[in-house]
Structure formats: C-alpha cells, structure tokens
Amino acid sequence: MTELHCIVAGRVQGVSFRAFVQNIARELGLVGFIANLPDGSLEVVAQGEHKVLKVFMNHLYTGPENARVNGIYDEWREPTREFQSFDSIQ
C-alpha cells in the first residue's frame, strides 16, 4: 500500500470536483480525503495500491466537465493507514 498526497490547482472549487474525486476514489477502492484549501486549490490524500493510485491521479488531471486543472503537486509516501473510507471535507 502507498499514499499519494496532492495539491490540485486551477479552477477546482465550485465545479463539483470534490464529488467527482470522491466517486472515482470509491470506485477504485481507495481511502483518504479531499478538502478545499483557502487559496482555491484542493488537497487530496489517497491510499491504495500504487498502480491504482496512478489511475486515480490521471482522473485528477482530467476532473469534471467545468473544472480546469492548472497543475498538481504530488508526493508519494508511506501510508498512515488511518482512513477507513474516502471522504470529502468542507
């Protein structure tokens, strides 16, 4: 198991990005969270198998229809194993 920590920048708030990511993460069997950040970006922490997280990250670059992703900062790290599900945090 691996953990992926991302900051997603662009037009990603107010366009259903969190719901989009939450649905994809659950479909892929990942655990973690997505949250709005004060600067308009999103923070994503996802845990799962490395190859599944790579697929997940491709979805982050795409986003929902009205989103525009300008960039993603990503960090791969050892999982904390503290999550039981994938949640969206306000």
C-alpha atoms as a PDB file:
ATOM      1  CA  MET A   1       0.000   0.000   0.000  1.00  0.00           C
ATOM      2  CA  THR A   2       1.125   3.540  -0.834  1.00  0.00           C
ATOM      3  CA  GLU A   3      -0.122   7.033  -0.027  1.00  0.00           C
ATOM      4  CA  LEU A   4      -0.499   9.814  -2.581  1.00  0.00           C
ATOM      5  CA  HIS A   5      -0.689  13.403  -1.320  1.00  0.00           C
ATOM      6  CA  CYS A   6      -1.672  16.035  -3.912  1.00  0.00           C
ATOM      7  CA  ILE A   7      -2.433  19.711  -4.134  1.00  0.00           C
ATOM      8  CA  VAL A   8      -4.605  20.355  -7.201  1.00  0.00           C
ATOM      9  CA  ALA A   9      -4.514  23.934  -8.524  1.00  0.00           C
ATOM     10  CA  GLY A  10      -6.754  25.672 -11.042  1.00  0.00           C
ATOM     11  CA  ARG A  11     -10.497  26.158 -11.274  1.00  0.00           C
ATOM     12  CA  VAL A  12     -11.253  23.256  -8.957  1.00  0.00           C
ATOM     13  CA  GLN A  13     -13.615  24.703  -6.351  1.00  0.00           C
ATOM     14  CA  GLY A  14     -17.295  25.265  -7.072  1.00  0.00           C
ATOM     15  CA  VAL A  15     -17.301  22.850 -10.041  1.00  0.00           C
ATOM     16  CA  SER A  16     -18.156  19.568  -8.255  1.00  0.00           C
ATOM     17  CA  PHE A  17     -14.526  18.483  -8.228  1.00  0.00           C
ATOM     18  CA  ARG A  18     -14.692  17.064  -4.702  1.00  0.00           C
ATOM     19  CA  ALA A  19     -17.731  14.906  -5.513  1.00  0.00           C
ATOM     20  CA  PHE A  20     -16.078  13.768  -8.767  1.00  0.00           C
ATOM     21  CA  VAL A  21     -12.900  12.718  -6.956  1.00  0.00           C
ATOM     22  CA  GLN A  22     -14.786  11.072  -4.114  1.00  0.00           C
ATOM     23  CA  ASN A  23     -16.773   8.932  -6.565  1.00  0.00           C
ATOM     24  CA  ILE A  24     -13.650   7.886  -8.504  1.00  0.00           C
ATOM     25  CA  ALA A  25     -11.771   7.060  -5.299  1.00  0.00           C
ATOM     26  CA  ARG A  26     -14.606   4.913  -4.009  1.00  0.00           C
ATOM     27  CA  GLU A  27     -14.936   3.107  -7.373  1.00  0.00           C
ATOM     28  CA  LEU A  28     -11.215   2.329  -7.240  1.00  0.00           C
ATOM     29  CA  GLY A  29     -11.377   1.161  -3.616  1.00  0.00           C
ATOM     30  CA  LEU A  30      -9.163   3.938  -2.233  1.00  0.00           C
ATOM     31  CA  VAL A  31      -9.339   5.530   1.204  1.00  0.00           C
ATOM     32  CA  GLY A  32      -8.413   9.078   2.231  1.00  0.00           C
ATOM     33  CA  PHE A  33      -9.937  12.529   1.757  1.00  0.00           C
ATOM     34  CA  ILE A  34     -10.306  15.597  -0.434  1.00  0.00           C
ATOM     35  CA  ALA A  35     -10.632  19.096   1.022  1.00  0.00           C
ATOM     36  CA  ASN A  36     -10.869  22.714  -0.133  1.00  0.00           C
ATOM     37  CA  LEU A  37      -7.890  24.911   0.721  1.00  0.00           C
ATOM     38  CA  PRO A  38      -8.176  28.669   1.413  1.00  0.00           C
ATOM     39  CA  ASP A  39      -6.167  29.573  -1.719  1.00  0.00           C
ATOM     40  CA  GLY A  40      -8.752  27.924  -4.020  1.00  0.00           C
ATOM     41  CA  SER A  41      -6.846  24.690  -4.536  1.00  0.00           C
ATOM     42  CA  LEU A  42      -7.715  21.222  -3.258  1.00  0.00           C
ATOM     43  CA  GLU A  43      -5.804  18.834  -1.037  1.00  0.00           C
ATOM     44  CA  VAL A  44      -6.108  15.121  -1.774  1.00  0.00           C
ATOM     45  CA  VAL A  45      -4.757  12.230   0.281  1.00  0.00           C
ATOM     46  CA  ALA A  46      -5.411   8.754  -1.111  1.00  0.00           C
ATOM     47  CA  GLN A  47      -4.168   5.365  -0.004  1.00  0.00           C
ATOM     48  CA  GLY A  48      -4.143   2.152  -2.008  1.00  0.00           C
ATOM     49  CA  GLU A  49      -2.086   0.095  -4.417  1.00  0.00           C
ATOM     50  CA  HIS A  50       0.456   2.124  -6.405  1.00  0.00           C
ATOM     51  CA  LYS A  51      -0.901   1.170  -9.844  1.00  0.00           C
ATOM     52  CA  VAL A  52      -4.463   2.080  -8.776  1.00  0.00           C
ATOM     53  CA  LEU A  53      -3.241   5.429  -7.438  1.00  0.00           C
ATOM     54  CA  LYS A  54      -1.644   6.156 -10.831  1.00  0.00           C
ATOM     55  CA  VAL A  55      -5.044   5.628 -12.491  1.00  0.00           C
ATOM     56  CA  PHE A  56      -6.622   7.853  -9.832  1.00  0.00           C
ATOM     57  CA  MET A  57      -4.086  10.596 -10.489  1.00  0.00           C
ATOM     58  CA  ASN A  58      -4.968  10.586 -14.198  1.00  0.00           C
ATOM     59  CA  HIS A  59      -8.552  11.360 -13.173  1.00  0.00           C
ATOM     60  CA  LEU A  60      -7.302  14.255 -11.036  1.00  0.00           C
ATOM     61  CA  TYR A  61      -5.717  15.813 -14.123  1.00  0.00           C
ATOM     62  CA  THR A  62      -8.999  15.491 -16.030  1.00  0.00           C
ATOM     63  CA  GLY A  63     -11.539  16.478 -13.367  1.00  0.00           C
ATOM     64  CA  PRO A  64     -15.222  17.082 -14.026  1.00  0.00           C
ATOM     65  CA  GLU A  65     -16.511  18.933 -17.075  1.00  0.00           C
ATOM     66  CA  ASN A  66     -16.349  22.518 -15.744  1.00  0.00           C
ATOM     67  CA  ALA A  67     -13.010  22.182 -13.958  1.00  0.00           C
ATOM     68  CA  ARG A  68      -9.651  23.389 -15.236  1.00  0.00           C
ATOM     69  CA  VAL A  69      -6.571  21.847 -13.643  1.00  0.00           C
ATOM     70  CA  ASN A  70      -3.512  24.075 -13.976  1.00  0.00           C
ATOM     71  CA  GLY A  71      -1.175  21.783 -12.099  1.00  0.00           C
ATOM     72  CA  ILE A  72      -0.804  19.088  -9.492  1.00  0.00           C
ATOM     73  CA  TYR A  73       1.887  18.901  -6.855  1.00  0.00           C
ATOM     74  CA  ASP A  74       2.212  15.255  -5.868  1.00  0.00           C
ATOM     75  CA  GLU A  75       4.121  13.465  -3.148  1.00  0.00           C
ATOM     76  CA  TRP A  76       4.300   9.692  -2.730  1.00  0.00           C
ATOM     77  CA  ARG A  77       4.836   8.485   0.806  1.00  0.00           C
ATOM     78  CA  GLU A  78       4.360   5.658   3.282  1.00  0.00           C
ATOM     79  CA  PRO A  79       0.672   5.311   4.218  1.00  0.00           C
ATOM     80  CA  THR A  80      -0.517   6.254   7.685  1.00  0.00           C
ATOM     81  CA  ARG A  81      -3.345   3.701   7.408  1.00  0.00           C
ATOM     82  CA  GLU A  82      -5.608   5.995   9.412  1.00  0.00           C
ATOM     83  CA  PHE A  83      -8.501   6.099   6.911  1.00  0.00           C
ATOM     84  CA  GLN A  84     -11.431   3.716   6.605  1.00  0.00           C
ATOM     85  CA  SER A  85     -13.196   5.392   3.654  1.00  0.00           C
ATOM     86  CA  PHE A  86     -12.729   8.253   1.176  1.00  0.00           C
ATOM     87  CA  ASP A  87     -14.376  11.439   2.425  1.00  0.00           C
ATOM     88  CA  SER A  88     -14.948  14.975   1.199  1.00  0.00           C
ATOM     89  CA  ILE A  89     -14.154  17.604   3.830  1.00  0.00           C
ATOM     90  CA  GLN A  90     -15.524  21.159   3.639  1.00  0.00           C
END
